[in-house]
Amino acid sequence: MRTIRQIYQAPPKHWVGDGFHVSPLFSHMDEVSKHTSPFLMLDYGVPTEFAPNFGAPRGVGSHPHAGFETVTVALQGEVAHRDSSGGGGIIREGDVQWMTAGRGIVHEEFHSKEFSERGGVLEELQFWVNLPREFKEVAPEYQALPKENIPVVQQGDAKVNVIAGEVNGTQGAARTFSEINLWTVDLPAQGHAEFYLPANHNVMLVSLRGNVSVNGRMVKPTELVTFEIESGKIDLQAQDEDVKLALFGGVPIDEPVVGYGPFVMNTREEILEKIRAFKAGEFGLID
């Protein structure tokens, strides 16, 4: 079996804007990130009940990014996105939005109008995925990945939504700039499944709902598992309830990571240039 490096308990939750109640499972600014490349960050927007709202939508207003990609997976509820590349849309349960910030973009994320007015539970994952040096200056891009376009593969008793990467020859929906797997996995109560991911990948797992045995160790919801870079299977055994989890990883990007707020580059000088470019209006505006 692939060796578990460590199991981390979720840090305390905090609000991002007024619309997203998140548990920051890891960040490129903490120690865990040494073992998560090419993933820089993961915020889990825990299930949160919102009352109907007929005023200004809840969420996060216009803000910049550069040097990486943001990936938002809608698990419950609806999120509306707009950005300065002209990309945007509403993601609903099972949908994914994959935004490449590249050389610089401005975007906003709010509860959709329909979700705001009816209220309900919002739950989502947001990943930050690093871009290798050679792609940090690519043009911004937005990939809308509706649920019906994301392949579903049966693996043992599990159903695997292949957002990116590959499962048993089935390619994921997203185009990526480096070798990445990003899957959500649904495992029924008492169900069992085995996964073999490439030996040269950093691999991580987070349980979202239900207790699950991972290579013989019990993992509870919101706990993050990191694995050694080595060959070996990942053995999942659900307990007495259905399990939903995210399984993801990729080839580490062996380059310096310099982060400053919404910018992630390779050097301090590049960060200063992004700050200058944003202030000069070079990231564009949201129409």
C-alpha atoms as a PDB file:
ATOM      1  CA  MET A   1       0.000   0.000   0.000  1.00  0.00           C
ATOM      2  CA  ARG A   2       1.028   3.588  -0.558  1.00  0.00           C
ATOM      3  CA  THR A   3       2.366   4.965   2.724  1.00  0.00           C
ATOM      4  CA  ILE A   4       0.297   7.621   4.477  1.00  0.00           C
ATOM      5  CA  ARG A   5       2.572  10.530   5.301  1.00  0.00           C
ATOM      6  CA  GLN A   6       0.218  12.331   7.659  1.00  0.00           C
ATOM      7  CA  ILE A   7      -3.436  12.955   8.490  1.00  0.00           C
ATOM      8  CA  TYR A   8      -4.287  16.584   9.247  1.00  0.00           C
ATOM      9  CA  GLN A   9      -7.301  17.856  11.135  1.00  0.00           C
ATOM     10  CA  ALA A  10      -9.077  20.774   9.514  1.00  0.00           C
ATOM     11  CA  PRO A  11      -8.109  24.242  10.769  1.00  0.00           C
ATOM     12  CA  PRO A  12     -10.825  26.542  12.194  1.00  0.00           C
ATOM     13  CA  LYS A  13     -13.367  27.860   9.702  1.00  0.00           C
ATOM     14  CA  HIS A  14     -13.501  31.480   8.547  1.00  0.00           C
ATOM     15  CA  TRP A  15     -15.557  33.592   6.163  1.00  0.00           C
ATOM     16  CA  VAL A  16     -14.373  34.505   2.680  1.00  0.00           C
ATOM     17  CA  GLY A  17     -16.394  37.582   1.867  1.00  0.00           C
ATOM     18  CA  ASP A  18     -19.883  37.131   3.266  1.00  0.00           C
ATOM     19  CA  GLY A  19     -20.832  34.120   1.167  1.00  0.00           C
ATOM     20  CA  PHE A  20     -18.339  31.322   1.740  1.00  0.00           C
ATOM     21  CA  HIS A  21     -17.725  29.655   5.122  1.00  0.00           C
ATOM     22  CA  VAL A  22     -14.504  27.748   4.553  1.00  0.00           C
ATOM     23  CA  SER A  23     -12.081  25.466   6.294  1.00  0.00           C
ATOM     24  CA  PRO A  24      -8.581  26.145   4.846  1.00  0.00           C
ATOM     25  CA  LEU A  25      -7.266  22.583   4.559  1.00  0.00           C
ATOM     26  CA  PHE A  26      -3.846  23.660   3.276  1.00  0.00           C
ATOM     27  CA  SER A  27      -2.078  26.640   1.757  1.00  0.00           C
ATOM     28  CA  HIS A  28       1.182  27.379  -0.065  1.00  0.00           C
ATOM     29  CA  MET A  29       2.002  29.533   2.967  1.00  0.00           C
ATOM     30  CA  ASP A  30       2.077  26.621   5.459  1.00  0.00           C
ATOM     31  CA  GLU A  31       4.104  23.482   6.118  1.00  0.00           C
ATOM     32  CA  VAL A  32       1.626  21.064   4.555  1.00  0.00           C
ATOM     33  CA  SER A  33       2.282  22.555   1.106  1.00  0.00           C
ATOM     34  CA  LYS A  34       5.714  20.936   0.957  1.00  0.00           C
ATOM     35  CA  HIS A  35       3.823  17.764   0.054  1.00  0.00           C
ATOM     36  CA  THR A  36       0.942  19.114  -2.076  1.00  0.00           C
ATOM     37  CA  SER A  37       2.563  20.530  -5.253  1.00  0.00           C
ATOM     38  CA  PRO A  38       1.282  21.203  -7.901  1.00  0.00           C
ATOM     39  CA  PHE A  39      -1.714  22.110  -5.685  1.00  0.00           C
ATOM     40  CA  LEU A  40      -1.142  25.347  -3.790  1.00  0.00           C
ATOM     41  CA  MET A  41      -4.259  25.594  -1.664  1.00  0.00           C
ATOM     42  CA  LEU A  42      -7.558  23.938  -0.817  1.00  0.00           C
ATOM     43  CA  ASP A  43     -10.470  25.681   0.860  1.00  0.00           C
ATOM     44  CA  TYR A  44     -13.438  23.491   1.743  1.00  0.00           C
ATOM     45  CA  GLY A  45     -16.633  25.518   1.853  1.00  0.00           C
ATOM     46  CA  VAL A  46     -18.397  23.436   4.476  1.00  0.00           C
ATOM     47  CA  PRO A  47     -22.173  22.901   4.144  1.00  0.00           C
ATOM     48  CA  THR A  48     -23.753  26.189   5.240  1.00  0.00           C
ATOM     49  CA  GLU A  49     -27.448  27.036   5.309  1.00  0.00           C
ATOM     50  CA  PHE A  50     -28.347  30.449   3.904  1.00  0.00           C
ATOM     51  CA  ALA A  51     -31.730  32.093   4.383  1.00  0.00           C
ATOM     52  CA  PRO A  52     -33.436  33.642   1.350  1.00  0.00           C
ATOM     53  CA  ASN A  53     -31.845  36.966   0.459  1.00  0.00           C
ATOM     54  CA  PHE A  54     -33.421  39.568  -1.825  1.00  0.00           C
ATOM     55  CA  GLY A  55     -30.744  42.216  -1.321  1.00  0.00           C
ATOM     56  CA  ALA A  56     -27.161  42.361  -2.581  1.00  0.00           C
ATOM     57  CA  PRO A  57     -25.885  38.828  -3.329  1.00  0.00           C
ATOM     58  CA  ARG A  58     -23.495  37.271  -0.865  1.00  0.00           C
ATOM     59  CA  GLY A  59     -19.991  36.388  -2.032  1.00  0.00           C
ATOM     60  CA  VAL A  60     -16.671  37.975  -2.951  1.00  0.00           C
ATOM     61  CA  GLY A  61     -16.370  41.072  -5.098  1.00  0.00           C
ATOM     62  CA  SER A  62     -13.883  41.925  -7.822  1.00  0.00           C
ATOM     63  CA  HIS A  63     -10.299  40.840  -7.024  1.00  0.00           C
ATOM     64  CA  PRO A  64      -7.179  39.836  -8.999  1.00  0.00           C
ATOM     65  CA  HIS A  65      -5.140  36.646  -9.457  1.00  0.00           C
ATOM     66  CA  ALA A  66      -1.970  35.806 -11.386  1.00  0.00           C
ATOM     67  CA  GLY A  67       0.406  32.873 -11.809  1.00  0.00           C
ATOM     68  CA  PHE A  68      -1.920  29.932 -11.111  1.00  0.00           C
ATOM     69  CA  GLU A  69      -5.398  28.474 -11.661  1.00  0.00           C
ATOM     70  CA  THR A  70      -8.494  28.384  -9.476  1.00  0.00           C
ATOM     71  CA  VAL A  71     -10.776  25.348  -9.594  1.00  0.00           C
ATOM     72  CA  THR A  72     -14.188  25.498  -7.924  1.00  0.00           C
ATOM     73  CA  VAL A  73     -16.251  22.328  -7.474  1.00  0.00           C
ATOM     74  CA  ALA A  74     -19.912  22.904  -6.587  1.00  0.00           C
ATOM     75  CA  LEU A  75     -21.191  20.190  -4.233  1.00  0.00           C
ATOM     76  CA  GLN A  76     -24.434  21.914  -3.185  1.00  0.00           C
ATOM     77  CA  GLY A  77     -25.952  25.262  -4.086  1.00  0.00           C
ATOM     78  CA  GLU A  78     -25.034  27.655  -6.901  1.00  0.00           C
ATOM     79  CA  VAL A  79     -22.154  30.062  -7.501  1.00  0.00           C
ATOM     80  CA  ALA A  80     -22.077  32.746 -10.195  1.00  0.00           C
ATOM     81  CA  HIS A  81     -18.702  33.773 -11.658  1.00  0.00           C
ATOM     82  CA  ARG A  82     -17.573  36.617 -13.932  1.00  0.00           C
ATOM     83  CA  ASP A  83     -14.060  37.592 -14.959  1.00  0.00           C
ATOM     84  CA  SER A  84     -12.110  40.072 -17.066  1.00  0.00           C
ATOM     85  CA  SER A  85     -11.359  37.498 -19.778  1.00  0.00           C
ATOM     86  CA  GLY A  86     -15.065  37.440 -20.608  1.00  0.00           C
ATOM     87  CA  GLY A  87     -15.558  34.079 -18.915  1.00  0.00           C
ATOM     88  CA  GLY A  88     -18.352  33.332 -16.530  1.00  0.00           C
ATOM     89  CA  GLY A  89     -21.482  31.436 -15.728  1.00  0.00           C
ATOM     90  CA  ILE A  90     -23.330  29.662 -12.937  1.00  0.00           C
ATOM     91  CA  ILE A  91     -22.103  26.382 -11.491  1.00  0.00           C
ATOM     92  CA  ARG A  92     -24.615  24.101  -9.846  1.00  0.00           C
ATOM     93  CA  GLU A  93     -24.319  20.824  -7.949  1.00  0.00           C
ATOM     94  CA  GLY A  94     -21.725  18.640  -9.704  1.00  0.00           C
ATOM     95  CA  ASP A  95     -20.458  21.420 -11.984  1.00  0.00           C
ATOM     96  CA  VAL A  96     -16.874  22.744 -11.998  1.00  0.00           C
ATOM     97  CA  GLN A  97     -15.295  26.009 -13.096  1.00  0.00           C
ATOM     98  CA  TRP A  98     -11.594  26.015 -13.991  1.00  0.00           C
ATOM     99  CA  MET A  99     -10.119  29.500 -14.300  1.00  0.00           C
ATOM    100  CA  THR A 100      -6.579  30.044 -15.548  1.00  0.00           C
ATOM    101  CA  ALA A 101      -5.343  33.359 -14.131  1.00  0.00           C
ATOM    102  CA  GLY A 102      -2.054  33.163 -16.031  1.00  0.00           C
ATOM    103  CA  ARG A 103      -0.544  36.614 -16.599  1.00  0.00           C
ATOM    104  CA  GLY A 104      -3.397  38.264 -14.719  1.00  0.00           C
ATOM    105  CA  ILE A 105      -7.161  38.302 -14.338  1.00  0.00           C
ATOM    106  CA  VAL A 106      -9.857  39.969 -12.252  1.00  0.00           C
ATOM    107  CA  HIS A 107     -12.917  37.977 -11.170  1.00  0.00           C
ATOM    108  CA  GLU A 108     -15.836  37.875  -8.769  1.00  0.00           C
ATOM    109  CA  GLU A 109     -17.827  35.054  -7.164  1.00  0.00           C
ATOM    110  CA  PHE A 110     -21.314  35.435  -5.723  1.00  0.00           C
ATOM    111  CA  HIS A 111     -24.290  33.260  -4.879  1.00  0.00           C
ATOM    112  CA  SER A 112     -26.458  33.036  -7.980  1.00  0.00           C
ATOM    113  CA  LYS A 113     -29.601  35.203  -8.032  1.00  0.00           C
ATOM    114  CA  GLU A 114     -31.875  32.146  -7.966  1.00  0.00           C
ATOM    115  CA  PHE A 115     -30.004  30.514  -5.065  1.00  0.00           C
ATOM    116  CA  SER A 116     -29.948  33.803  -3.135  1.00  0.00           C
ATOM    117  CA  GLU A 117     -33.707  34.227  -3.435  1.00  0.00           C
ATOM    118  CA  ARG A 118     -34.679  30.691  -2.499  1.00  0.00           C
ATOM    119  CA  GLY A 119     -31.923  30.063   0.072  1.00  0.00           C
ATOM    120  CA  GLY A 120     -30.487  26.657   0.872  1.00  0.00           C
ATOM    121  CA  VAL A 121     -27.230  24.836   1.567  1.00  0.00           C
ATOM    122  CA  LEU A 122     -24.000  25.880  -0.134  1.00  0.00           C
ATOM    123  CA  GLU A 123     -21.007  23.508  -0.206  1.00  0.00           C
ATOM    124  CA  GLU A 124     -17.988  23.724  -2.481  1.00  0.00           C
ATOM    125  CA  LEU A 125     -14.293  23.028  -2.885  1.00  0.00           C
ATOM    126  CA  GLN A 126     -11.834  25.577  -4.223  1.00  0.00           C
ATOM    127  CA  PHE A 127      -8.364  24.491  -5.270  1.00  0.00           C
ATOM    128  CA  TRP A 128      -5.471  26.691  -6.335  1.00  0.00           C
ATOM    129  CA  VAL A 129      -3.300  24.849  -8.876  1.00  0.00           C
ATOM    130  CA  ASN A 130       0.184  26.160  -9.600  1.00  0.00           C
ATOM    131  CA  LEU A 131       1.353  26.922 -13.124  1.00  0.00           C
ATOM    132  CA  PRO A 132       4.899  25.939 -14.128  1.00  0.00           C
ATOM    133  CA  ARG A 133       7.205  28.868 -14.883  1.00  0.00           C
ATOM    134  CA  GLU A 134       6.805  28.406 -18.646  1.00  0.00           C
ATOM    135  CA  PHE A 135       3.024  28.926 -18.383  1.00  0.00           C
ATOM    136  CA  LYS A 136       2.728  31.671 -15.761  1.00  0.00           C
ATOM    137  CA  GLU A 137       2.302  34.304 -18.476  1.00  0.00           C
ATOM    138  CA  VAL A 138      -0.331  32.481 -20.548  1.00  0.00           C
ATOM    139  CA  ALA A 139      -3.499  34.346 -21.512  1.00  0.00           C
ATOM    140  CA  PRO A 140      -6.304  34.057 -18.938  1.00  0.00           C
ATOM    141  CA  GLU A 141      -8.954  31.465 -19.726  1.00  0.00           C
ATOM    142  CA  TYR A 142     -12.185  30.110 -18.259  1.00  0.00           C
ATOM    143  CA  GLN A 143     -13.316  26.482 -18.623  1.00  0.00           C
ATOM    144  CA  ALA A 144     -16.953  25.769 -17.773  1.00  0.00           C
ATOM    145  CA  LEU A 145     -17.286  22.066 -16.918  1.00  0.00           C
ATOM    146  CA  PRO A 146     -20.965  21.160 -16.446  1.00  0.00           C
ATOM    147  CA  LYS A 147     -21.779  17.957 -14.607  1.00  0.00           C
ATOM    148  CA  GLU A 148     -22.988  16.210 -17.760  1.00  0.00           C
ATOM    149  CA  ASN A 149     -19.570  16.708 -19.408  1.00  0.00           C
ATOM    150  CA  ILE A 150     -17.578  15.235 -16.519  1.00  0.00           C
ATOM    151  CA  PRO A 151     -16.991  11.487 -17.077  1.00  0.00           C
ATOM    152  CA  VAL A 152     -18.114   9.072 -14.364  1.00  0.00           C
ATOM    153  CA  VAL A 153     -16.137   5.842 -13.981  1.00  0.00           C
ATOM    154  CA  GLN A 154     -16.956   2.832 -11.832  1.00  0.00           C
ATOM    155  CA  GLN A 155     -13.976   1.739  -9.702  1.00  0.00           C
ATOM    156  CA  GLY A 156     -14.828  -1.114  -7.378  1.00  0.00           C
ATOM    157  CA  ASP A 157     -17.940   0.014  -5.521  1.00  0.00           C
ATOM    158  CA  ALA A 158     -17.086   3.686  -6.096  1.00  0.00           C
ATOM    159  CA  LYS A 159     -18.314   6.161  -8.687  1.00  0.00           C
ATOM    160  CA  VAL A 160     -15.504   8.496  -9.711  1.00  0.00           C
ATOM    161  CA  ASN A 161     -16.121  11.909 -11.280  1.00  0.00           C
ATOM    162  CA  VAL A 162     -13.031  12.488 -13.423  1.00  0.00           C
ATOM    163  CA  ILE A 163     -12.625  16.267 -13.374  1.00  0.00           C
ATOM    164  CA  ALA A 164      -8.999  16.132 -14.532  1.00  0.00           C
ATOM    165  CA  GLY A 165      -6.477  13.419 -15.278  1.00  0.00           C
ATOM    166  CA  GLU A 166      -7.366   9.831 -16.081  1.00  0.00           C
ATOM    167  CA  VAL A 167      -9.051   6.793 -14.534  1.00  0.00           C
ATOM    168  CA  ASN A 168      -8.681   3.457 -16.306  1.00  0.00           C
ATOM    169  CA  GLY A 169      -8.201   5.101 -19.683  1.00  0.00           C
ATOM    170  CA  THR A 170     -11.041   7.609 -19.270  1.00  0.00           C
ATOM    171  CA  GLN A 171      -9.782  11.177 -19.597  1.00  0.00           C
ATOM    172  CA  GLY A 172     -11.078  13.958 -17.381  1.00  0.00           C
ATOM    173  CA  ALA A 173     -12.999  16.982 -18.591  1.00  0.00           C
ATOM    174  CA  ALA A 174     -10.430  19.703 -17.856  1.00  0.00           C
ATOM    175  CA  ARG A 175      -7.423  20.805 -19.892  1.00  0.00           C
ATOM    176  CA  THR A 176      -4.394  21.205 -17.633  1.00  0.00           C
ATOM    177  CA  PHE A 177      -0.897  22.662 -17.936  1.00  0.00           C
ATOM    178  CA  SER A 178       0.788  19.910 -15.909  1.00  0.00           C
ATOM    179  CA  GLU A 179       0.097  16.280 -15.079  1.00  0.00           C
ATOM    180  CA  ILE A 180      -2.783  16.328 -12.591  1.00  0.00           C
ATOM    181  CA  ASN A 181      -5.508  14.022 -11.322  1.00  0.00           C
ATOM    182  CA  LEU A 182      -8.543  15.583  -9.654  1.00  0.00           C
ATOM    183  CA  TRP A 183     -11.468  13.330  -8.829  1.00  0.00           C
ATOM    184  CA  THR A 184     -14.481  13.320  -6.540  1.00  0.00           C
ATOM    185  CA  VAL A 185     -15.431   9.861  -5.322  1.00  0.00           C
ATOM    186  CA  ASP A 186     -18.768   8.543  -4.037  1.00  0.00           C
ATOM    187  CA  LEU A 187     -18.559   5.292  -2.078  1.00  0.00           C
ATOM    188  CA  PRO A 188     -21.710   3.644  -0.656  1.00  0.00           C
ATOM    189  CA  ALA A 189     -21.930   2.424   2.931  1.00  0.00           C
ATOM    190  CA  GLN A 190     -19.747  -0.681   3.380  1.00  0.00           C
ATOM    191  CA  GLY A 191     -18.361  -0.125  -0.127  1.00  0.00           C
ATOM    192  CA  HIS A 192     -14.761  -0.828  -1.122  1.00  0.00           C
ATOM    193  CA  ALA A 193     -12.486   0.530  -3.854  1.00  0.00           C
ATOM    194  CA  GLU A 194      -8.775   0.505  -4.693  1.00  0.00           C
ATOM    195  CA  PHE A 195      -6.844   3.180  -6.584  1.00  0.00           C
ATOM    196  CA  TYR A 196      -3.349   3.203  -8.043  1.00  0.00           C
ATOM    197  CA  LEU A 197      -1.982   6.658  -8.788  1.00  0.00           C
ATOM    198  CA  PRO A 198       1.355   7.342 -10.521  1.00  0.00           C
ATOM    199  CA  ALA A 199       4.377   6.734  -8.279  1.00  0.00           C
ATOM    200  CA  ASN A 200       5.848  10.161  -9.139  1.00  0.00           C
ATOM    201  CA  HIS A 201       2.771  12.091  -7.970  1.00  0.00           C
ATOM    202  CA  ASN A 202       2.101  13.911  -4.753  1.00  0.00           C
ATOM    203  CA  VAL A 203      -1.275  12.457  -3.732  1.00  0.00           C
ATOM    204  CA  MET A 204      -3.851  13.802  -1.272  1.00  0.00           C
ATOM    205  CA  LEU A 205      -7.314  12.831  -0.089  1.00  0.00           C
ATOM    206  CA  VAL A 206      -9.955  14.703   1.877  1.00  0.00           C
ATOM    207  CA  SER A 207     -13.121  13.123   3.254  1.00  0.00           C
ATOM    208  CA  LEU A 208     -16.144  15.378   2.845  1.00  0.00           C
ATOM    209  CA  ARG A 209     -18.919  13.168   4.187  1.00  0.00           C
ATOM    210  CA  GLY A 210     -18.711   9.917   6.108  1.00  0.00           C
ATOM    211  CA  ASN A 211     -15.936   8.051   7.890  1.00  0.00           C
ATOM    212  CA  VAL A 212     -13.682   6.032   5.607  1.00  0.00           C
ATOM    213  CA  SER A 213     -10.831   3.629   6.216  1.00  0.00           C
ATOM    214  CA  VAL A 214      -7.826   4.675   4.099  1.00  0.00           C
ATOM    215  CA  ASN A 215      -5.152   1.981   3.954  1.00  0.00           C
ATOM    216  CA  GLY A 216      -6.407   0.750   7.313  1.00  0.00           C
ATOM    217  CA  ARG A 217      -6.504   4.149   9.060  1.00  0.00           C
ATOM    218  CA  MET A 218      -9.777   5.860   9.898  1.00  0.00           C
ATOM    219  CA  VAL A 219     -10.346   9.264   8.301  1.00  0.00           C
ATOM    220  CA  LYS A 220     -13.156  11.578   9.394  1.00  0.00           C
ATOM    221  CA  PRO A 221     -14.894  14.334   7.404  1.00  0.00           C
ATOM    222  CA  THR A 222     -12.714  17.414   6.736  1.00  0.00           C
ATOM    223  CA  GLU A 223      -9.505  15.506   7.524  1.00  0.00           C
ATOM    224  CA  LEU A 224      -6.732  15.730   4.912  1.00  0.00           C
ATOM    225  CA  VAL A 225      -4.495  12.762   4.084  1.00  0.00           C
ATOM    226  CA  THR A 226      -1.106  13.145   2.389  1.00  0.00           C
ATOM    227  CA  PHE A 227       0.831  10.203   0.945  1.00  0.00           C
ATOM    228  CA  GLU A 228       4.468   9.491   0.202  1.00  0.00           C
ATOM    229  CA  ILE A 229       5.708   9.769  -3.380  1.00  0.00           C
ATOM    230  CA  GLU A 230       5.921   6.051  -4.121  1.00  0.00           C
ATOM    231  CA  SER A 231       4.022   3.227  -5.790  1.00  0.00           C
ATOM    232  CA  GLY A 232       1.275   1.315  -4.019  1.00  0.00           C
ATOM    233  CA  LYS A 233      -2.488   1.164  -3.829  1.00  0.00           C
ATOM    234  CA  ILE A 234      -4.863   3.404  -1.912  1.00  0.00           C
ATOM    235  CA  ASP A 235      -7.473   1.175  -0.310  1.00  0.00           C
ATOM    236  CA  LEU A 236     -10.808   2.747   0.629  1.00  0.00           C
ATOM    237  CA  GLN A 237     -13.406   1.049   2.817  1.00  0.00           C
ATOM    238  CA  ALA A 238     -16.591   2.893   3.782  1.00  0.00           C
ATOM    239  CA  GLN A 239     -18.116   2.290   7.166  1.00  0.00           C
ATOM    240  CA  ASP A 240     -21.844   2.422   8.006  1.00  0.00           C
ATOM    241  CA  GLU A 241     -22.661   5.502   5.914  1.00  0.00           C
ATOM    242  CA  ASP A 242     -22.124   6.764   2.400  1.00  0.00           C
ATOM    243  CA  VAL A 243     -18.810   8.510   1.805  1.00  0.00           C
ATOM    244  CA  LYS A 244     -17.946  11.428  -0.451  1.00  0.00           C
ATOM    245  CA  LEU A 245     -14.313  12.423  -0.848  1.00  0.00           C
ATOM    246  CA  ALA A 246     -11.853  14.177  -3.129  1.00  0.00           C
ATOM    247  CA  LEU A 247      -8.751  12.334  -4.358  1.00  0.00           C
ATOM    248  CA  PHE A 248      -6.181  14.443  -6.165  1.00  0.00           C
ATOM    249  CA  GLY A 249      -2.498  14.951  -6.934  1.00  0.00           C
ATOM    250  CA  GLY A 250       0.068  15.475  -9.612  1.00  0.00           C
ATOM    251  CA  VAL A 251       3.714  15.716 -10.568  1.00  0.00           C
ATOM    252  CA  PRO A 252       5.386  18.211  -8.197  1.00  0.00           C
ATOM    253  CA  ILE A 253       6.538  21.455  -9.804  1.00  0.00           C
ATOM    254  CA  ASP A 254      10.154  21.746  -8.645  1.00  0.00           C
ATOM    255  CA  GLU A 255      10.366  25.537  -8.773  1.00  0.00           C
ATOM    256  CA  PRO A 256      10.406  28.337  -6.174  1.00  0.00           C
ATOM    257  CA  VAL A 257       6.980  29.422  -4.933  1.00  0.00           C
ATOM    258  CA  VAL A 258       6.677  33.079  -3.930  1.00  0.00           C
ATOM    259  CA  GLY A 259       3.197  34.072  -2.883  1.00  0.00           C
ATOM    260  CA  TYR A 260       1.745  37.463  -2.032  1.00  0.00           C
ATOM    261  CA  GLY A 261      -1.994  37.525  -1.489  1.00  0.00           C
ATOM    262  CA  PRO A 262      -3.660  36.678  -4.812  1.00  0.00           C
ATOM    263  CA  PHE A 263      -0.391  36.335  -6.768  1.00  0.00           C
ATOM    264  CA  VAL A 264       1.890  33.264  -6.917  1.00  0.00           C
ATOM    265  CA  MET A 265       5.088  33.576  -8.924  1.00  0.00           C
ATOM    266  CA  ASN A 266       8.698  32.305  -8.810  1.00  0.00           C
ATOM    267  CA  THR A 267      10.479  35.438  -7.556  1.00  0.00           C
ATOM    268  CA  ARG A 268       9.821  38.543  -5.473  1.00  0.00           C
ATOM    269  CA  GLU A 269      10.577  40.683  -8.520  1.00  0.00           C
ATOM    270  CA  GLU A 270       7.811  38.940 -10.470  1.00  0.00           C
ATOM    271  CA  ILE A 271       5.386  39.603  -7.602  1.00  0.00           C
ATOM    272  CA  LEU A 272       6.257  43.306  -7.659  1.00  0.00           C
ATOM    273  CA  GLU A 273       5.672  43.351 -11.418  1.00  0.00           C
ATOM    274  CA  LYS A 274       2.210  41.776 -10.972  1.00  0.00           C
ATOM    275  CA  ILE A 275       1.292  44.376  -8.362  1.00  0.00           C
ATOM    276  CA  ARG A 276       2.376  47.114 -10.776  1.00  0.00           C
ATOM    277  CA  ALA A 277       0.474  45.556 -13.688  1.00  0.00           C
ATOM    278  CA  PHE A 278      -2.725  45.176 -11.664  1.00  0.00           C
ATOM    279  CA  LYS A 279      -2.576  48.769 -10.405  1.00  0.00           C
ATOM    280  CA  ALA A 280      -1.989  49.918 -13.997  1.00  0.00           C
ATOM    281  CA  GLY A 281      -5.206  48.204 -15.100  1.00  0.00           C
ATOM    282  CA  GLU A 282      -3.434  45.577 -17.236  1.00  0.00           C
ATOM    283  CA  PHE A 283      -5.548  42.714 -15.840  1.00  0.00           C
ATOM    284  CA  GLY A 284      -8.636  44.204 -17.456  1.00  0.00           C
ATOM    285  CA  LEU A 285     -12.087  44.870 -16.084  1.00  0.00           C
ATOM    286  CA  ILE A 286     -15.233  42.830 -15.582  1.00  0.00           C
ATOM    287  CA  ASP A 287     -17.869  43.952 -18.089  1.00  0.00           C
END
